[in-house]
Amino acid sequence: MNKLYPTAAAALEGLLRDGLLIAAGGFGLCGLPERLIEAIEASGVKNLTFASNNAGIDNEGIGKLLRTRQVKKMIASYVGENKEFERQFLAGELEVEFCPQGTLAERMRAGGAGIPGFYTKTGVGTLVAEGKETKVFDGPNGPEEYVLERGIFADLSIVKAWKADETGNCVFRKTARNFNLPAATCGQVCVVEVEEVVPTGALDPDAIHLPGIYVQRMIVGAPYDKKIEFTTTRERQAA
């Protein structure tokens, strides 16, 4: 089965429709599936829900889709550094489900493992727990309250990897692994953009982070520009 497609648009053909729940990898601008996000923008689909650590920044990452009003809801941990996100949220134009970072990662992982829900202490007694079922369990310090969080079962996963072989086995590079691995596993279909595709067997089996069984489609997205969220410089001093 050939999993490699010539373009991001081709890889997403037949998968996009209004109202999708999409799990996206990335942390800030690190490990973003930017070619796939650009193809989603160009497709014009709307009323999307994104499960992602954050929405990028203005005009980068999912921020591009906020600008074009294609996102109706974000399930996210961090919402800073994005003025359009802030504006839409405060104006009541964007629904936001805040989720602690570790909980969001576990919700994705749980969805990928077929686990519909789990209990956690994170968020108990805060706004995060409002409207959610809680239960008391015996812990190391006696009875403690836990909140029920639901696994995320996405319609589509979009992630970015460093290398992949021809069967879809993927390797992520350092911190660019971030949310890409759990996001990849929780979608009905997973599309991966990579920097390089190598022949089957070229990757060390012990170095593979995402087995190819989770990957249905791939594209090569390189070359990439190194984007930096904040650039701080100082004036050069006279010699």
C-alpha atoms as a PDB file:
ATOM      1  CA  MET A   1       0.000   0.000   0.000  1.00  0.00           C
ATOM      2  CA  ASN A   2       1.477   3.326  -1.070  1.00  0.00           C
ATOM      3  CA  LYS A   3       1.016   5.845   1.738  1.00  0.00           C
ATOM      4  CA  LEU A   4       3.000   8.666   0.169  1.00  0.00           C
ATOM      5  CA  TYR A   5       1.037  11.430  -1.587  1.00  0.00           C
ATOM      6  CA  PRO A   6       2.484  14.194  -3.779  1.00  0.00           C
ATOM      7  CA  THR A   7       0.898  17.161  -1.963  1.00  0.00           C
ATOM      8  CA  ALA A   8      -0.916  18.004   1.237  1.00  0.00           C
ATOM      9  CA  ALA A   9      -4.113  18.662  -0.708  1.00  0.00           C
ATOM     10  CA  ALA A  10      -3.893  15.223  -2.300  1.00  0.00           C
ATOM     11  CA  ALA A  11      -3.281  13.560   1.063  1.00  0.00           C
ATOM     12  CA  LEU A  12      -6.382  15.222   2.530  1.00  0.00           C
ATOM     13  CA  GLU A  13      -8.611  14.565  -0.471  1.00  0.00           C
ATOM     14  CA  GLY A  14     -11.841  12.856   0.586  1.00  0.00           C
ATOM     15  CA  LEU A  15     -11.135  13.393   4.292  1.00  0.00           C
ATOM     16  CA  LEU A  16     -12.225  16.991   4.809  1.00  0.00           C
ATOM     17  CA  ARG A  17     -15.748  18.147   5.523  1.00  0.00           C
ATOM     18  CA  ASP A  18     -17.413  20.801   7.667  1.00  0.00           C
ATOM     19  CA  GLY A  19     -17.687  20.070  11.380  1.00  0.00           C
ATOM     20  CA  LEU A  20     -14.683  17.761  11.768  1.00  0.00           C
ATOM     21  CA  LEU A  21     -12.913  17.137  15.074  1.00  0.00           C
ATOM     22  CA  ILE A  22      -9.201  17.299  14.231  1.00  0.00           C
ATOM     23  CA  ALA A  23      -6.361  16.336  16.572  1.00  0.00           C
ATOM     24  CA  ALA A  24      -3.232  18.310  15.704  1.00  0.00           C
ATOM     25  CA  GLY A  25       0.323  17.924  16.910  1.00  0.00           C
ATOM     26  CA  GLY A  26       2.613  20.798  17.756  1.00  0.00           C
ATOM     27  CA  PHE A  27       3.634  22.960  20.685  1.00  0.00           C
ATOM     28  CA  GLY A  28       3.780  26.640  19.884  1.00  0.00           C
ATOM     29  CA  LEU A  29       5.505  26.628  16.501  1.00  0.00           C
ATOM     30  CA  CYS A  30       7.492  23.468  17.242  1.00  0.00           C
ATOM     31  CA  GLY A  31       6.469  20.322  15.380  1.00  0.00           C
ATOM     32  CA  LEU A  32       3.531  21.946  13.592  1.00  0.00           C
ATOM     33  CA  PRO A  33       1.958  20.127  10.630  1.00  0.00           C
ATOM     34  CA  GLU A  34       2.033  23.426   8.772  1.00  0.00           C
ATOM     35  CA  ARG A  35       1.667  22.088   5.214  1.00  0.00           C
ATOM     36  CA  LEU A  36      -1.473  20.184   6.216  1.00  0.00           C
ATOM     37  CA  ILE A  37      -2.871  23.230   8.026  1.00  0.00           C
ATOM     38  CA  GLU A  38      -2.282  25.308   4.883  1.00  0.00           C
ATOM     39  CA  ALA A  39      -4.153  22.714   2.818  1.00  0.00           C
ATOM     40  CA  ILE A  40      -7.069  22.762   5.267  1.00  0.00           C
ATOM     41  CA  GLU A  41      -7.157  26.539   4.979  1.00  0.00           C
ATOM     42  CA  ALA A  42      -7.189  26.357   1.187  1.00  0.00           C
ATOM     43  CA  SER A  43      -9.999  23.776   1.200  1.00  0.00           C
ATOM     44  CA  GLY A  44     -12.430  26.206   2.832  1.00  0.00           C
ATOM     45  CA  VAL A  45     -13.954  23.691   5.258  1.00  0.00           C
ATOM     46  CA  LYS A  46     -15.439  25.333   8.338  1.00  0.00           C
ATOM     47  CA  ASN A  47     -16.997  24.763  11.775  1.00  0.00           C
ATOM     48  CA  LEU A  48     -13.927  22.762  12.765  1.00  0.00           C
ATOM     49  CA  THR A  49     -13.038  21.667  16.279  1.00  0.00           C
ATOM     50  CA  PHE A  50      -9.331  21.363  17.000  1.00  0.00           C
ATOM     51  CA  ALA A  51      -7.794  19.412  19.858  1.00  0.00           C
ATOM     52  CA  SER A  52      -4.310  20.852  20.133  1.00  0.00           C
ATOM     53  CA  ASN A  53      -2.040  22.157  22.854  1.00  0.00           C
ATOM     54  CA  ASN A  54      -2.514  25.680  21.510  1.00  0.00           C
ATOM     55  CA  ALA A  55      -3.569  27.560  18.405  1.00  0.00           C
ATOM     56  CA  GLY A  56      -0.145  28.678  17.265  1.00  0.00           C
ATOM     57  CA  ILE A  57       0.251  32.424  17.002  1.00  0.00           C
ATOM     58  CA  ASP A  58      -1.405  35.034  14.820  1.00  0.00           C
ATOM     59  CA  ASN A  59      -1.225  33.873  11.202  1.00  0.00           C
ATOM     60  CA  GLU A  60       0.855  30.795  12.015  1.00  0.00           C
ATOM     61  CA  GLY A  61      -0.322  27.265  12.721  1.00  0.00           C
ATOM     62  CA  ILE A  62      -3.991  26.987  13.611  1.00  0.00           C
ATOM     63  CA  GLY A  63      -3.893  30.765  13.924  1.00  0.00           C
ATOM     64  CA  LYS A  64      -4.242  30.825  10.129  1.00  0.00           C
ATOM     65  CA  LEU A  65      -7.556  29.001  10.402  1.00  0.00           C
ATOM     66  CA  LEU A  66      -8.765  31.342  13.137  1.00  0.00           C
ATOM     67  CA  ARG A  67      -8.091  34.281  10.832  1.00  0.00           C
ATOM     68  CA  THR A  68     -10.271  32.720   8.137  1.00  0.00           C
ATOM     69  CA  ARG A  69     -13.013  31.812  10.650  1.00  0.00           C
ATOM     70  CA  GLN A  70     -12.797  28.091   9.926  1.00  0.00           C
ATOM     71  CA  VAL A  71     -12.523  27.062  13.598  1.00  0.00           C
ATOM     72  CA  LYS A  72     -15.590  27.031  15.849  1.00  0.00           C
ATOM     73  CA  LYS A  73     -14.037  25.369  18.922  1.00  0.00           C
ATOM     74  CA  MET A  74     -10.624  24.803  20.476  1.00  0.00           C
ATOM     75  CA  ILE A  75      -9.797  22.085  22.998  1.00  0.00           C
ATOM     76  CA  ALA A  76      -6.513  23.468  24.254  1.00  0.00           C
ATOM     77  CA  SER A  77      -4.146  23.967  27.170  1.00  0.00           C
ATOM     78  CA  TYR A  78      -2.590  27.299  26.301  1.00  0.00           C
ATOM     79  CA  VAL A  79      -4.157  30.215  24.496  1.00  0.00           C
ATOM     80  CA  GLY A  80      -1.582  32.997  24.832  1.00  0.00           C
ATOM     81  CA  GLU A  81       0.435  34.738  22.100  1.00  0.00           C
ATOM     82  CA  ASN A  82      -2.569  34.854  19.773  1.00  0.00           C
ATOM     83  CA  LYS A  83      -4.467  38.130  19.633  1.00  0.00           C
ATOM     84  CA  GLU A  84      -7.089  36.841  17.191  1.00  0.00           C
ATOM     85  CA  PHE A  85      -7.797  33.887  19.464  1.00  0.00           C
ATOM     86  CA  GLU A  86      -8.237  36.294  22.374  1.00  0.00           C
ATOM     87  CA  ARG A  87     -10.478  38.600  20.370  1.00  0.00           C
ATOM     88  CA  GLN A  88     -12.756  35.813  19.135  1.00  0.00           C
ATOM     89  CA  PHE A  89     -12.994  34.204  22.566  1.00  0.00           C
ATOM     90  CA  LEU A  90     -13.833  37.438  24.391  1.00  0.00           C
ATOM     91  CA  ALA A  91     -16.382  38.322  21.701  1.00  0.00           C
ATOM     92  CA  GLY A  92     -18.107  34.949  22.111  1.00  0.00           C
ATOM     93  CA  GLU A  93     -17.222  33.936  18.552  1.00  0.00           C
ATOM     94  CA  LEU A  94     -15.031  30.975  19.520  1.00  0.00           C
ATOM     95  CA  GLU A  95     -15.878  28.153  21.904  1.00  0.00           C
ATOM     96  CA  VAL A  96     -12.962  27.115  24.100  1.00  0.00           C
ATOM     97  CA  GLU A  97     -12.606  24.009  26.249  1.00  0.00           C
ATOM     98  CA  PHE A  98      -9.633  24.517  28.535  1.00  0.00           C
ATOM     99  CA  CYS A  99      -7.782  21.333  29.398  1.00  0.00           C
ATOM    100  CA  PRO A 100      -4.646  20.961  31.548  1.00  0.00           C
ATOM    101  CA  GLN A 101      -1.665  20.024  29.418  1.00  0.00           C
ATOM    102  CA  GLY A 102      -1.047  16.564  30.858  1.00  0.00           C
ATOM    103  CA  THR A 103      -4.759  15.811  30.839  1.00  0.00           C
ATOM    104  CA  LEU A 104      -5.026  16.784  27.171  1.00  0.00           C
ATOM    105  CA  ALA A 105      -2.136  14.504  26.248  1.00  0.00           C
ATOM    106  CA  GLU A 106      -3.725  11.662  28.208  1.00  0.00           C
ATOM    107  CA  ARG A 107      -7.140  12.279  26.634  1.00  0.00           C
ATOM    108  CA  MET A 108      -5.549  11.855  23.207  1.00  0.00           C
ATOM    109  CA  ARG A 109      -3.577   8.797  24.311  1.00  0.00           C
ATOM    110  CA  ALA A 110      -6.714   7.294  25.832  1.00  0.00           C
ATOM    111  CA  GLY A 111      -8.635   7.812  22.600  1.00  0.00           C
ATOM    112  CA  GLY A 112      -5.867   6.088  20.675  1.00  0.00           C
ATOM    113  CA  ALA A 113      -6.005   3.158  23.091  1.00  0.00           C
ATOM    114  CA  GLY A 114      -9.798   2.875  22.860  1.00  0.00           C
ATOM    115  CA  ILE A 115     -10.292   4.108  26.432  1.00  0.00           C
ATOM    116  CA  PRO A 116     -13.458   6.228  26.704  1.00  0.00           C
ATOM    117  CA  GLY A 117     -12.548   7.955  29.955  1.00  0.00           C
ATOM    118  CA  PHE A 118     -10.276   8.075  33.002  1.00  0.00           C
ATOM    119  CA  TYR A 119     -10.169   9.697  36.426  1.00  0.00           C
ATOM    120  CA  THR A 120      -7.551  12.260  37.422  1.00  0.00           C
ATOM    121  CA  LYS A 121      -6.919  14.575  40.368  1.00  0.00           C
ATOM    122  CA  THR A 122      -5.852  17.395  38.055  1.00  0.00           C
ATOM    123  CA  GLY A 123      -8.464  20.143  38.014  1.00  0.00           C
ATOM    124  CA  VAL A 124     -10.498  18.960  41.008  1.00  0.00           C
ATOM    125  CA  GLY A 125     -12.085  21.945  42.724  1.00  0.00           C
ATOM    126  CA  THR A 126     -11.412  24.303  39.801  1.00  0.00           C
ATOM    127  CA  LEU A 127     -13.287  25.541  36.743  1.00  0.00           C
ATOM    128  CA  VAL A 128     -11.828  22.597  34.843  1.00  0.00           C
ATOM    129  CA  ALA A 129     -14.047  20.205  36.833  1.00  0.00           C
ATOM    130  CA  GLU A 130     -17.298  22.139  36.434  1.00  0.00           C
ATOM    131  CA  GLY A 131     -20.072  19.972  34.998  1.00  0.00           C
ATOM    132  CA  LYS A 132     -17.941  16.822  35.095  1.00  0.00           C
ATOM    133  CA  GLU A 133     -18.533  13.662  37.063  1.00  0.00           C
ATOM    134  CA  THR A 134     -16.339  13.180  40.110  1.00  0.00           C
ATOM    135  CA  LYS A 135     -15.653  10.116  42.233  1.00  0.00           C
ATOM    136  CA  VAL A 136     -13.846   9.413  45.479  1.00  0.00           C
ATOM    137  CA  PHE A 137     -11.127   6.772  45.451  1.00  0.00           C
ATOM    138  CA  ASP A 138      -8.826   5.567  48.189  1.00  0.00           C
ATOM    139  CA  GLY A 139      -5.373   7.008  47.617  1.00  0.00           C
ATOM    140  CA  PRO A 140      -2.078   6.875  49.506  1.00  0.00           C
ATOM    141  CA  ASN A 141      -3.330   9.639  51.808  1.00  0.00           C
ATOM    142  CA  GLY A 142      -6.854   8.273  52.254  1.00  0.00           C
ATOM    143  CA  PRO A 143     -10.014   9.013  50.260  1.00  0.00           C
ATOM    144  CA  GLU A 144      -9.475  11.606  47.516  1.00  0.00           C
ATOM    145  CA  GLU A 145     -11.710  13.129  44.865  1.00  0.00           C
ATOM    146  CA  TYR A 146     -11.012  12.586  41.168  1.00  0.00           C
ATOM    147  CA  VAL A 147     -12.636  14.069  38.064  1.00  0.00           C
ATOM    148  CA  LEU A 148     -13.705  12.054  35.021  1.00  0.00           C
ATOM    149  CA  GLU A 149     -12.065  13.122  31.767  1.00  0.00           C
ATOM    150  CA  ARG A 150     -13.127  11.669  28.433  1.00  0.00           C
ATOM    151  CA  GLY A 151     -10.836  10.246  25.784  1.00  0.00           C
ATOM    152  CA  ILE A 152     -10.597  12.172  22.529  1.00  0.00           C
ATOM    153  CA  PHE A 153     -11.721  10.271  19.444  1.00  0.00           C
ATOM    154  CA  ALA A 154     -10.907  12.540  16.506  1.00  0.00           C
ATOM    155  CA  ASP A 155     -12.163  12.278  12.943  1.00  0.00           C
ATOM    156  CA  LEU A 156      -8.725  13.202  11.622  1.00  0.00           C
ATOM    157  CA  SER A 157      -5.198  13.464  13.001  1.00  0.00           C
ATOM    158  CA  ILE A 158      -2.601  15.756  11.427  1.00  0.00           C
ATOM    159  CA  VAL A 159       0.972  15.561  12.696  1.00  0.00           C
ATOM    160  CA  LYS A 160       4.554  16.341  11.699  1.00  0.00           C
ATOM    161  CA  ALA A 161       7.472  13.924  11.970  1.00  0.00           C
ATOM    162  CA  TRP A 162      11.171  14.174  11.217  1.00  0.00           C
ATOM    163  CA  LYS A 163      11.662  10.943   9.265  1.00  0.00           C
ATOM    164  CA  ALA A 164       9.429   8.119   8.110  1.00  0.00           C
ATOM    165  CA  ASP A 165      10.005   4.979   6.125  1.00  0.00           C
ATOM    166  CA  GLU A 166       7.846   3.943   3.201  1.00  0.00           C
ATOM    167  CA  THR A 167       5.466   1.984   5.437  1.00  0.00           C
ATOM    168  CA  GLY A 168       4.779   4.999   7.677  1.00  0.00           C
ATOM    169  CA  ASN A 169       6.970   4.217  10.678  1.00  0.00           C
ATOM    170  CA  CYS A 170       7.838   7.652  12.074  1.00  0.00           C
ATOM    171  CA  VAL A 171      10.594   9.263  14.123  1.00  0.00           C
ATOM    172  CA  PHE A 172      10.122  12.643  15.788  1.00  0.00           C
ATOM    173  CA  ARG A 173      13.066  14.928  16.488  1.00  0.00           C
ATOM    174  CA  LYS A 174      13.655  15.931  20.087  1.00  0.00           C
ATOM    175  CA  THR A 175      11.024  18.352  21.469  1.00  0.00           C
ATOM    176  CA  ALA A 176       9.127  18.286  18.165  1.00  0.00           C
ATOM    177  CA  ARG A 177       7.682  14.989  19.388  1.00  0.00           C
ATOM    178  CA  ASN A 178       5.502  16.954  21.893  1.00  0.00           C
ATOM    179  CA  PHE A 179       1.783  16.303  21.200  1.00  0.00           C
ATOM    180  CA  ASN A 180       2.407  14.699  17.821  1.00  0.00           C
ATOM    181  CA  LEU A 181       2.523  11.139  19.112  1.00  0.00           C
ATOM    182  CA  PRO A 182      -0.743  11.078  21.119  1.00  0.00           C
ATOM    183  CA  ALA A 183      -2.490  13.205  18.482  1.00  0.00           C
ATOM    184  CA  ALA A 184      -1.504  10.724  15.774  1.00  0.00           C
ATOM    185  CA  THR A 185      -3.068   7.755  17.528  1.00  0.00           C
ATOM    186  CA  CYS A 186      -6.498   9.164  18.397  1.00  0.00           C
ATOM    187  CA  GLY A 187      -7.822   9.908  14.898  1.00  0.00           C
ATOM    188  CA  GLN A 188      -9.807   7.622  12.641  1.00  0.00           C
ATOM    189  CA  VAL A 189      -7.384   8.635   9.882  1.00  0.00           C
ATOM    190  CA  CYS A 190      -3.852   9.934  10.472  1.00  0.00           C
ATOM    191  CA  VAL A 191      -2.021  12.068   7.910  1.00  0.00           C
ATOM    192  CA  VAL A 192       1.651  12.782   8.596  1.00  0.00           C
ATOM    193  CA  GLU A 193       3.935  15.324   6.994  1.00  0.00           C
ATOM    194  CA  VAL A 194       7.617  14.504   7.249  1.00  0.00           C
ATOM    195  CA  GLU A 195      10.918  16.105   6.397  1.00  0.00           C
ATOM    196  CA  GLU A 196      12.318  12.968   4.803  1.00  0.00           C
ATOM    197  CA  VAL A 197      11.109   9.536   3.683  1.00  0.00           C
ATOM    198  CA  VAL A 198      13.669   6.720   3.790  1.00  0.00           C
ATOM    199  CA  PRO A 199      13.465   3.153   2.440  1.00  0.00           C
ATOM    200  CA  THR A 200      11.712   0.504   4.501  1.00  0.00           C
ATOM    201  CA  GLY A 201      14.214  -1.027   6.899  1.00  0.00           C
ATOM    202  CA  ALA A 202      16.441   2.048   7.049  1.00  0.00           C
ATOM    203  CA  LEU A 203      15.153   3.111  10.479  1.00  0.00           C
ATOM    204  CA  ASP A 204      16.356   1.453  13.671  1.00  0.00           C
ATOM    205  CA  PRO A 205      13.286  -0.410  14.999  1.00  0.00           C
ATOM    206  CA  ASP A 206      14.144   0.685  18.546  1.00  0.00           C
ATOM    207  CA  ALA A 207      14.146   4.339  17.451  1.00  0.00           C
ATOM    208  CA  ILE A 208      10.639   4.361  15.966  1.00  0.00           C
ATOM    209  CA  HIS A 209       8.213   6.504  17.937  1.00  0.00           C
ATOM    210  CA  LEU A 210       5.016   6.027  15.906  1.00  0.00           C
ATOM    211  CA  PRO A 211       4.417   2.639  14.268  1.00  0.00           C
ATOM    212  CA  GLY A 212       3.229   2.773  10.680  1.00  0.00           C
ATOM    213  CA  ILE A 213       0.010   0.940  11.569  1.00  0.00           C
ATOM    214  CA  TYR A 214      -1.308   4.291  12.834  1.00  0.00           C
ATOM    215  CA  VAL A 215      -0.424   6.158   9.631  1.00  0.00           C
ATOM    216  CA  GLN A 216      -2.686   6.065   6.581  1.00  0.00           C
ATOM    217  CA  ARG A 217      -1.224   8.882   4.461  1.00  0.00           C
ATOM    218  CA  MET A 218       2.033  10.845   4.271  1.00  0.00           C
ATOM    219  CA  ILE A 219       3.559  13.798   2.473  1.00  0.00           C
ATOM    220  CA  VAL A 220       7.047  15.273   2.365  1.00  0.00           C
ATOM    221  CA  GLY A 221       6.659  18.851   3.569  1.00  0.00           C
ATOM    222  CA  ALA A 222      10.288  19.998   3.359  1.00  0.00           C
ATOM    223  CA  PRO A 223      11.870  22.448   2.990  1.00  0.00           C
ATOM    224  CA  TYR A 224      10.736  24.349   6.076  1.00  0.00           C
ATOM    225  CA  ASP A 225      11.546  27.820   7.356  1.00  0.00           C
ATOM    226  CA  LYS A 226      12.649  28.004  10.971  1.00  0.00           C
ATOM    227  CA  LYS A 227       9.955  30.124  12.600  1.00  0.00           C
ATOM    228  CA  ILE A 228      10.531  31.714  15.998  1.00  0.00           C
ATOM    229  CA  GLU A 229       7.655  32.919  18.153  1.00  0.00           C
ATOM    230  CA  PHE A 230       9.611  35.799  19.679  1.00  0.00           C
ATOM    231  CA  THR A 231      12.856  37.260  18.379  1.00  0.00           C
ATOM    232  CA  THR A 232      14.795  39.346  20.880  1.00  0.00           C
ATOM    233  CA  THR A 233      17.911  41.129  19.696  1.00  0.00           C
ATOM    234  CA  ARG A 234      20.225  43.779  21.011  1.00  0.00           C
ATOM    235  CA  GLU A 235      22.040  46.530  19.205  1.00  0.00           C
ATOM    236  CA  ARG A 236      25.584  45.713  18.216  1.00  0.00           C
ATOM    237  CA  GLN A 237      28.030  47.629  20.402  1.00  0.00           C
ATOM    238  CA  ALA A 238      30.682  49.718  18.774  1.00  0.00           C
ATOM    239  CA  ALA A 239      34.107  48.071  18.753  1.00  0.00           C
END
